[in-house]
Amino acid sequence: MKEAERRAEEKLGFYIHFTVYCAVNAMLFFIWFFATKGFPWFLFPLGGWGIGILFHFLSTFVFTRRLILKKLMEKELERLKKERM
C-alpha cells in the first residue's frame, strides 16, 4: 500500500509540475506576442524548463524506482553467483 501511495504522489507531482510549466510558458508567450514580437526570447525558458520536464517524466514513468531497484538486485545476484564459483 505504501508503494502505491508513493507512486501516486510521484505522478501527482509530475502532473502539477507539467501544469505549472504550461501555464507559465503560455503566459510568457502571450507577453512576448502582445508586447514585443521581436526576438522570441520565450523559447529559452520553454526549452530549458522543458528539459527538466522531460527528465521528471522519465523518472516518474519510464525509469521508475522499482525498475532500477530490480535491475540493481539482478546485477548484485549475478555478481554474488560469480564470486561463489
PDB file of N, CA and C in Angstrom:
ATOM      1  N   MET A   1       0.820  -1.194   0.000  1.00  0.00           N
ATOM      2  CA  MET A   1       0.000   0.000   0.000  1.00  0.00           C
ATOM      3  C   MET A   1       0.866   1.262   0.000  1.00  0.00           C
ATOM      4  N   LYS A   2       1.963   1.220   0.740  1.00  0.00           N
ATOM      5  CA  LYS A   2       2.861   2.379   0.781  1.00  0.00           C
ATOM      6  C   LYS A   2       3.443   2.659  -0.606  1.00  0.00           C
ATOM      7  N   GLU A   3       3.760   1.584  -1.339  1.00  0.00           N
ATOM      8  CA  GLU A   3       4.322   1.746  -2.684  1.00  0.00           C
ATOM      9  C   GLU A   3       3.320   2.428  -3.608  1.00  0.00           C
ATOM     10  N   ALA A   4       2.065   2.026  -3.540  1.00  0.00           N
ATOM     11  CA  ALA A   4       1.028   2.636  -4.385  1.00  0.00           C
ATOM     12  C   ALA A   4       0.842   4.107  -4.026  1.00  0.00           C
ATOM     13  N   GLU A   5       0.893   4.413  -2.753  1.00  0.00           N
ATOM     14  CA  GLU A   5       0.757   5.804  -2.315  1.00  0.00           C
ATOM     15  C   GLU A   5       1.940   6.648  -2.800  1.00  0.00           C
ATOM     16  N   ARG A   6       3.131   6.092  -2.706  1.00  0.00           N
ATOM     17  CA  ARG A   6       4.326   6.802  -3.157  1.00  0.00           C
ATOM     18  C   ARG A   6       4.275   7.045  -4.662  1.00  0.00           C
ATOM     19  N   ARG A   7       3.863   6.027  -5.431  1.00  0.00           N
ATOM     20  CA  ARG A   7       3.769   6.180  -6.893  1.00  0.00           C
ATOM     21  C   ARG A   7       2.723   7.226  -7.261  1.00  0.00           C
ATOM     22  N   ALA A   8       1.584   7.205  -6.557  1.00  0.00           N
ATOM     23  CA  ALA A   8       0.536   8.193  -6.829  1.00  0.00           C
ATOM     24  C   ALA A   8       1.044   9.603  -6.541  1.00  0.00           C
ATOM     25  N   GLU A   9       1.805   9.774  -5.470  1.00  0.00           N
ATOM     26  CA  GLU A   9       2.368  11.087  -5.144  1.00  0.00           C
ATOM     27  C   GLU A   9       3.382  11.532  -6.197  1.00  0.00           C
ATOM     28  N   GLU A  10       4.184  10.604  -6.700  1.00  0.00           N
ATOM     29  CA  GLU A  10       5.142  10.939  -7.758  1.00  0.00           C
ATOM     30  C   GLU A  10       4.417  11.398  -9.017  1.00  0.00           C
ATOM     31  N   LYS A  11       3.361  10.671  -9.396  1.00  0.00           N
ATOM     32  CA  LYS A  11       2.597  11.038 -10.592  1.00  0.00           C
ATOM     33  C   LYS A  11       1.917  12.387 -10.412  1.00  0.00           C
ATOM     34  N   LEU A  12       1.332  12.607  -9.247  1.00  0.00           N
ATOM     35  CA  LEU A  12       0.688  13.890  -8.977  1.00  0.00           C
ATOM     36  C   LEU A  12       1.708  15.020  -9.042  1.00  0.00           C
ATOM     37  N   GLY A  13       2.885  14.795  -8.496  1.00  0.00           N
ATOM     38  CA  GLY A  13       3.945  15.798  -8.556  1.00  0.00           C
ATOM     39  C   GLY A  13       4.307  16.146  -9.987  1.00  0.00           C
ATOM     40  N   PHE A  14       4.375  15.134 -10.851  1.00  0.00           N
ATOM     41  CA  PHE A  14       4.671  15.410 -12.259  1.00  0.00           C
ATOM     42  C   PHE A  14       3.541  16.203 -12.900  1.00  0.00           C
ATOM     43  N   TYR A  15       2.296  15.800 -12.668  1.00  0.00           N
ATOM     44  CA  TYR A  15       1.154  16.496 -13.280  1.00  0.00           C
ATOM     45  C   TYR A  15       1.103  17.961 -12.852  1.00  0.00           C
ATOM     46  N   ILE A  16       1.382  18.222 -11.584  1.00  0.00           N
ATOM     47  CA  ILE A  16       1.405  19.609 -11.102  1.00  0.00           C
ATOM     48  C   ILE A  16       2.543  20.375 -11.775  1.00  0.00           C
ATOM     49  N   HIS A  17       3.714  19.779 -11.836  1.00  0.00           N
ATOM     50  CA  HIS A  17       4.876  20.412 -12.469  1.00  0.00           C
ATOM     51  C   HIS A  17       4.567  20.740 -13.934  1.00  0.00           C
ATOM     52  N   PHE A  18       3.968  19.789 -14.656  1.00  0.00           N
ATOM     53  CA  PHE A  18       3.658  19.997 -16.068  1.00  0.00           C
ATOM     54  C   PHE A  18       2.596  21.086 -16.252  1.00  0.00           C
ATOM     55  N   THR A  19       1.606  21.123 -15.370  1.00  0.00           N
ATOM     56  CA  THR A  19       0.566  22.155 -15.454  1.00  0.00           C
ATOM     57  C   THR A  19       1.159  23.543 -15.243  1.00  0.00           C
ATOM     58  N   VAL A  20       2.021  23.678 -14.248  1.00  0.00           N
ATOM     59  CA  VAL A  20       2.674  24.966 -13.990  1.00  0.00           C
ATOM     60  C   VAL A  20       3.552  25.352 -15.178  1.00  0.00           C
ATOM     61  N   TYR A  21       4.280  24.390 -15.729  1.00  0.00           N
ATOM     62  CA  TYR A  21       5.116  24.629 -16.917  1.00  0.00           C
ATOM     63  C   TYR A  21       4.277  25.189 -18.067  1.00  0.00           C
ATOM     64  N   CYS A  22       3.149  24.549 -18.347  1.00  0.00           N
ATOM     65  CA  CYS A  22       2.284  25.005 -19.447  1.00  0.00           C
ATOM     66  C   CYS A  22       1.728  26.399 -19.174  1.00  0.00           C
ATOM     67  N   ALA A  23       1.257  26.631 -17.958  1.00  0.00           N
ATOM     68  CA  ALA A  23       0.657  27.926 -17.625  1.00  0.00           C
ATOM     69  C   ALA A  23       1.683  29.057 -17.704  1.00  0.00           C
ATOM     70  N   VAL A  24       2.836  28.853 -17.105  1.00  0.00           N
ATOM     71  CA  VAL A  24       3.860  29.905 -17.094  1.00  0.00           C
ATOM     72  C   VAL A  24       4.364  30.179 -18.508  1.00  0.00           C
ATOM     73  N   ASN A  25       4.605  29.131 -19.275  1.00  0.00           N
ATOM     74  CA  ASN A  25       5.122  29.345 -20.625  1.00  0.00           C
ATOM     75  C   ASN A  25       4.071  29.931 -21.554  1.00  0.00           C
ATOM     76  N   ALA A  26       2.806  29.621 -21.343  1.00  0.00           N
ATOM     77  CA  ALA A  26       1.748  30.279 -22.115  1.00  0.00           C
ATOM     78  C   ALA A  26       1.727  31.770 -21.787  1.00  0.00           C
ATOM     79  N   MET A  27       1.860  32.096 -20.511  1.00  0.00           N
ATOM     80  CA  MET A  27       1.890  33.497 -20.101  1.00  0.00           C
ATOM     81  C   MET A  27       3.094  34.220 -20.725  1.00  0.00           C
ATOM     82  N   LEU A  28       4.260  33.587 -20.707  1.00  0.00           N
ATOM     83  CA  LEU A  28       5.444  34.191 -21.320  1.00  0.00           C
ATOM     84  C   LEU A  28       5.253  34.393 -22.823  1.00  0.00           C
ATOM     85  N   PHE A  29       4.618  33.426 -23.473  1.00  0.00           N
ATOM     86  CA  PHE A  29       4.353  33.566 -24.900  1.00  0.00           C
ATOM     87  C   PHE A  29       3.440  34.760 -25.166  1.00  0.00           C
ATOM     88  N   PHE A  30       2.368  34.881 -24.384  1.00  0.00           N
ATOM     89  CA  PHE A  30       1.437  35.990 -24.598  1.00  0.00           C
ATOM     90  C   PHE A  30       2.086  37.343 -24.299  1.00  0.00           C
ATOM     91  N   ILE A  31       2.943  37.384 -23.308  1.00  0.00           N
ATOM     92  CA  ILE A  31       3.685  38.626 -23.043  1.00  0.00           C
ATOM     93  C   ILE A  31       4.532  38.973 -24.261  1.00  0.00           C
ATOM     94  N   TRP A  32       5.245  37.997 -24.784  1.00  0.00           N
ATOM     95  CA  TRP A  32       6.065  38.233 -25.981  1.00  0.00           C
ATOM     96  C   TRP A  32       5.192  38.654 -27.164  1.00  0.00           C
ATOM     97  N   PHE A  33       4.091  37.930 -27.378  1.00  0.00           N
ATOM     98  CA  PHE A  33       3.240  38.166 -28.544  1.00  0.00           C
ATOM     99  C   PHE A  33       2.609  39.558 -28.529  1.00  0.00           C
ATOM    100  N   PHE A  34       2.097  39.959 -27.371  1.00  0.00           N
ATOM    101  CA  PHE A  34       1.385  41.233 -27.302  1.00  0.00           C
ATOM    102  C   PHE A  34       2.293  42.426 -26.991  1.00  0.00           C
ATOM    103  N   ALA A  35       3.464  42.183 -26.430  1.00  0.00           N
ATOM    104  CA  ALA A  35       4.321  43.299 -26.021  1.00  0.00           C
ATOM    105  C   ALA A  35       5.442  43.597 -27.013  1.00  0.00           C
ATOM    106  N   THR A  36       6.097  42.570 -27.518  1.00  0.00           N
ATOM    107  CA  THR A  36       7.296  42.849 -28.311  1.00  0.00           C
ATOM    108  C   THR A  36       7.252  42.291 -29.729  1.00  0.00           C
ATOM    109  N   LYS A  37       6.963  41.042 -29.875  1.00  0.00           N
ATOM    110  CA  LYS A  37       7.015  40.317 -31.153  1.00  0.00           C
ATOM    111  C   LYS A  37       8.377  40.424 -31.827  1.00  0.00           C
ATOM    112  N   GLY A  38       9.376  40.734 -31.048  1.00  0.00           N
ATOM    113  CA  GLY A  38      10.736  40.777 -31.589  1.00  0.00           C
ATOM    114  C   GLY A  38      11.347  39.395 -31.518  1.00  0.00           C
ATOM    115  N   PHE A  39      12.543  39.347 -30.980  1.00  0.00           N
ATOM    116  CA  PHE A  39      13.238  38.076 -30.801  1.00  0.00           C
ATOM    117  C   PHE A  39      12.410  37.166 -29.885  1.00  0.00           C
ATOM    118  N   PRO A  40      12.199  35.912 -30.253  1.00  0.00           N
ATOM    119  CA  PRO A  40      11.359  35.011 -29.446  1.00  0.00           C
ATOM    120  C   PRO A  40      12.079  34.504 -28.192  1.00  0.00           C
ATOM    121  N   TRP A  41      12.288  35.401 -27.232  1.00  0.00           N
ATOM    122  CA  TRP A  41      13.018  35.093 -26.005  1.00  0.00           C
ATOM    123  C   TRP A  41      12.313  34.048 -25.148  1.00  0.00           C
ATOM    124  N   PHE A  42      10.996  33.902 -25.323  1.00  0.00           N
ATOM    125  CA  PHE A  42      10.241  32.941 -24.510  1.00  0.00           C
ATOM    126  C   PHE A  42      10.682  31.498 -24.776  1.00  0.00           C
ATOM    127  N   LEU A  43      11.377  31.274 -25.900  1.00  0.00           N
ATOM    128  CA  LEU A  43      11.835  29.921 -26.222  1.00  0.00           C
ATOM    129  C   LEU A  43      12.927  29.432 -25.271  1.00  0.00           C
ATOM    130  N   PHE A  44      13.685  30.355 -24.682  1.00  0.00           N
ATOM    131  CA  PHE A  44      14.748  29.943 -23.759  1.00  0.00           C
ATOM    132  C   PHE A  44      14.189  29.289 -22.491  1.00  0.00           C
ATOM    133  N   PRO A  45      13.262  29.932 -21.773  1.00  0.00           N
ATOM    134  CA  PRO A  45      12.696  29.230 -20.618  1.00  0.00           C
ATOM    135  C   PRO A  45      11.866  28.015 -21.032  1.00  0.00           C
ATOM    136  N   LEU A  46      11.206  28.103 -22.181  1.00  0.00           N
ATOM    137  CA  LEU A  46      10.418  26.975 -22.673  1.00  0.00           C
ATOM    138  C   LEU A  46      11.307  25.750 -22.879  1.00  0.00           C
ATOM    139  N   GLY A  47      12.447  25.954 -23.537  1.00  0.00           N
ATOM    140  CA  GLY A  47      13.358  24.843 -23.799  1.00  0.00           C
ATOM    141  C   GLY A  47      14.095  24.355 -22.570  1.00  0.00           C
ATOM    142  N   GLY A  48      14.614  25.292 -21.783  1.00  0.00           N
ATOM    143  CA  GLY A  48      15.355  24.900 -20.585  1.00  0.00           C
ATOM    144  C   GLY A  48      14.495  24.158 -19.586  1.00  0.00           C
ATOM    145  N   TRP A  49      13.342  24.724 -19.314  1.00  0.00           N
ATOM    146  CA  TRP A  49      12.422  24.089 -18.375  1.00  0.00           C
ATOM    147  C   TRP A  49      11.872  22.804 -18.984  1.00  0.00           C
ATOM    148  N   GLY A  50      11.714  22.786 -20.311  1.00  0.00           N
ATOM    149  CA  GLY A  50      11.237  21.583 -20.998  1.00  0.00           C
ATOM    150  C   GLY A  50      12.162  20.402 -20.799  1.00  0.00           C
ATOM    151  N   ILE A  51      13.467  20.667 -20.759  1.00  0.00           N
ATOM    152  CA  ILE A  51      14.427  19.597 -20.483  1.00  0.00           C
ATOM    153  C   ILE A  51      14.186  19.038 -19.080  1.00  0.00           C
ATOM    154  N   GLY A  52      13.943  19.932 -18.126  1.00  0.00           N
ATOM    155  CA  GLY A  52      13.630  19.483 -16.768  1.00  0.00           C
ATOM    156  C   GLY A  52      12.351  18.662 -16.719  1.00  0.00           C
ATOM    157  N   ILE A  53      11.342  19.086 -17.469  1.00  0.00           N
ATOM    158  CA  ILE A  53      10.075  18.339 -17.542  1.00  0.00           C
ATOM    159  C   ILE A  53      10.320  16.948 -18.127  1.00  0.00           C
ATOM    160  N   LEU A  54      11.151  16.882 -19.167  1.00  0.00           N
ATOM    161  CA  LEU A  54      11.459  15.591 -19.785  1.00  0.00           C
ATOM    162  C   LEU A  54      12.090  14.639 -18.772  1.00  0.00           C
ATOM    163  N   PHE A  55      13.067  15.126 -18.012  1.00  0.00           N
ATOM    164  CA  PHE A  55      13.709  14.268 -17.015  1.00  0.00           C
ATOM    165  C   PHE A  55      12.746  13.887 -15.892  1.00  0.00           C
ATOM    166  N   HIS A  56      11.875  14.803 -15.508  1.00  0.00           N
ATOM    167  CA  HIS A  56      10.877  14.491 -14.490  1.00  0.00           C
ATOM    168  C   HIS A  56       9.941  13.399 -15.011  1.00  0.00           C
ATOM    169  N   PHE A  57       9.516  13.511 -16.271  1.00  0.00           N
ATOM    170  CA  PHE A  57       8.658  12.495 -16.888  1.00  0.00           C
ATOM    171  C   PHE A  57       9.352  11.135 -16.906  1.00  0.00           C
ATOM    172  N   LEU A  58      10.609  11.126 -17.356  1.00  0.00           N
ATOM    173  CA  LEU A  58      11.340   9.863 -17.438  1.00  0.00           C
ATOM    174  C   LEU A  58      11.502   9.212 -16.071  1.00  0.00           C
ATOM    175  N   SER A  59      11.803  10.012 -15.056  1.00  0.00           N
ATOM    176  CA  SER A  59      11.994   9.441 -13.719  1.00  0.00           C
ATOM    177  C   SER A  59      10.681   8.985 -13.103  1.00  0.00           C
ATOM    178  N   THR A  60       9.571   9.559 -13.539  1.00  0.00           N
ATOM    179  CA  THR A  60       8.275   9.191 -12.974  1.00  0.00           C
ATOM    180  C   THR A  60       7.646   8.004 -13.689  1.00  0.00           C
ATOM    181  N   PHE A  61       7.753   7.953 -15.019  1.00  0.00           N
ATOM    182  CA  PHE A  61       7.011   6.958 -15.782  1.00  0.00           C
ATOM    183  C   PHE A  61       7.870   5.910 -16.488  1.00  0.00           C
ATOM    184  N   VAL A  62       9.129   6.188 -16.750  1.00  0.00           N
ATOM    185  CA  VAL A  62       9.953   5.251 -17.516  1.00  0.00           C
ATOM    186  C   VAL A  62      10.954   4.543 -16.613  1.00  0.00           C
ATOM    187  N   PHE A  63      11.827   5.303 -15.992  1.00  0.00           N
ATOM    188  CA  PHE A  63      12.859   4.724 -15.130  1.00  0.00           C
ATOM    189  C   PHE A  63      12.398   4.817 -13.678  1.00  0.00           C
ATOM    190  N   THR A  64      11.411   4.018 -13.362  1.00  0.00           N
ATOM    191  CA  THR A  64      10.840   4.073 -12.020  1.00  0.00           C
ATOM    192  C   THR A  64      11.803   3.489 -10.996  1.00  0.00           C
ATOM    193  N   ARG A  65      11.573   3.837  -9.763  1.00  0.00           N
ATOM    194  CA  ARG A  65      12.422   3.359  -8.667  1.00  0.00           C
ATOM    195  C   ARG A  65      12.407   1.832  -8.603  1.00  0.00           C
ATOM    196  N   ARG A  66      11.224   1.248  -8.795  1.00  0.00           N
ATOM    197  CA  ARG A  66      11.092  -0.210  -8.729  1.00  0.00           C
ATOM    198  C   ARG A  66      11.915  -0.878  -9.835  1.00  0.00           C
ATOM    199  N   LEU A  67      11.866  -0.323 -11.043  1.00  0.00           N
ATOM    200  CA  LEU A  67      12.613  -0.883 -12.170  1.00  0.00           C
ATOM    201  C   LEU A  67      14.116  -0.806 -11.911  1.00  0.00           C
ATOM    202  N   ILE A  68      14.582   0.328 -11.437  1.00  0.00           N
ATOM    203  CA  ILE A  68      16.011   0.498 -11.163  1.00  0.00           C
ATOM    204  C   ILE A  68      16.454  -0.437 -10.046  1.00  0.00           C
ATOM    205  N   LEU A  69      15.648  -0.543  -8.997  1.00  0.00           N
ATOM    206  CA  LEU A  69      15.975  -1.436  -7.888  1.00  0.00           C
ATOM    207  C   LEU A  69      16.040  -2.885  -8.357  1.00  0.00           C
ATOM    208  N   LYS A  70      15.099  -3.285  -9.203  1.00  0.00           N
ATOM    209  CA  LYS A  70      15.089  -4.653  -9.721  1.00  0.00           C
ATOM    210  C   LYS A  70      16.361  -4.942 -10.512  1.00  0.00           C
ATOM    211  N   LYS A  71      16.760  -4.013 -11.372  1.00  0.00           N
ATOM    212  CA  LYS A  71      17.972  -4.215 -12.169  1.00  0.00           C
ATOM    213  C   LYS A  71      19.219  -4.265 -11.289  1.00  0.00           C
ATOM    214  N   LEU A  72      19.275  -3.413 -10.266  1.00  0.00           N
ATOM    215  CA  LEU A  72      20.420  -3.434  -9.353  1.00  0.00           C
ATOM    216  C   LEU A  72      20.485  -4.751  -8.583  1.00  0.00           C
ATOM    217  N   MET A  73      19.330  -5.256  -8.157  1.00  0.00           N
ATOM    218  CA  MET A  73      19.297  -6.524  -7.429  1.00  0.00           C
ATOM    219  C   MET A  73      19.745  -7.675  -8.329  1.00  0.00           C
ATOM    220  N   GLU A  74      19.284  -7.687  -9.582  1.00  0.00           N
ATOM    221  CA  GLU A  74      19.697  -8.737 -10.512  1.00  0.00           C
ATOM    222  C   GLU A  74      21.205  -8.694 -10.745  1.00  0.00           C
ATOM    223  N   LYS A  75      21.736  -7.495 -10.895  1.00  0.00           N
ATOM    224  CA  LYS A  75      23.171  -7.334 -11.118  1.00  0.00           C
ATOM    225  C   LYS A  75      23.961  -7.831  -9.905  1.00  0.00           C
ATOM    226  N   GLU A  76      23.481  -7.506  -8.715  1.00  0.00           N
ATOM    227  CA  GLU A  76      24.157  -7.934  -7.488  1.00  0.00           C
ATOM    228  C   GLU A  76      24.085  -9.449  -7.331  1.00  0.00           C
ATOM    229  N   LEU A  77      22.946 -10.050  -7.662  1.00  0.00           N
ATOM    230  CA  LEU A  77      22.827 -11.508  -7.592  1.00  0.00           C
ATOM    231  C   LEU A  77      23.799 -12.185  -8.550  1.00  0.00           C
ATOM    232  N   GLU A  78      23.928 -11.655  -9.748  1.00  0.00           N
ATOM    233  CA  GLU A  78      24.885 -12.206 -10.713  1.00  0.00           C
ATOM    234  C   GLU A  78      26.309 -12.102 -10.183  1.00  0.00           C
ATOM    235  N   ARG A  79      26.633 -10.967  -9.576  1.00  0.00           N
ATOM    236  CA  ARG A  79      27.969 -10.781  -9.025  1.00  0.00           C
ATOM    237  C   ARG A  79      28.239 -11.786  -7.907  1.00  0.00           C
ATOM    238  N   LEU A  80      27.250 -11.994  -7.045  1.00  0.00           N
ATOM    239  CA  LEU A  80      27.416 -12.947  -5.947  1.00  0.00           C
ATOM    240  C   LEU A  80      27.556 -14.378  -6.462  1.00  0.00           C
ATOM    241  N   LYS A  81      26.806 -14.716  -7.504  1.00  0.00           N
ATOM    242  CA  LYS A  81      26.910 -16.058  -8.084  1.00  0.00           C
ATOM    243  C   LYS A  81      28.300 -16.293  -8.657  1.00  0.00           C
ATOM    244  N   LYS A  82      28.851 -15.280  -9.318  1.00  0.00           N
ATOM    245  CA  LYS A  82      30.188 -15.409  -9.904  1.00  0.00           C
ATOM    246  C   LYS A  82      31.253 -15.545  -8.823  1.00  0.00           C
ATOM    247  N   GLU A  83      31.058 -14.859  -7.693  1.00  0.00           N
ATOM    248  CA  GLU A  83      32.026 -14.945  -6.592  1.00  0.00           C
ATOM    249  C   GLU A  83      32.046 -16.333  -5.982  1.00  0.00           C
ATOM    250  N   ARG A  84      30.912 -16.993  -5.934  1.00  0.00           N
ATOM    251  CA  ARG A  84      30.818 -18.305  -5.294  1.00  0.00           C
ATOM    252  C   ARG A  84      31.365 -19.421  -6.170  1.00  0.00           C
ATOM    253  N   MET A  85      31.536 -19.164  -7.440  1.00  0.00           N
ATOM    254  CA  MET A  85      32.038 -20.212  -8.341  1.00  0.00           C
ATOM    255  C   MET A  85      33.523 -20.312  -8.312  1.00  0.00           C
TER     256      MET A  85
END
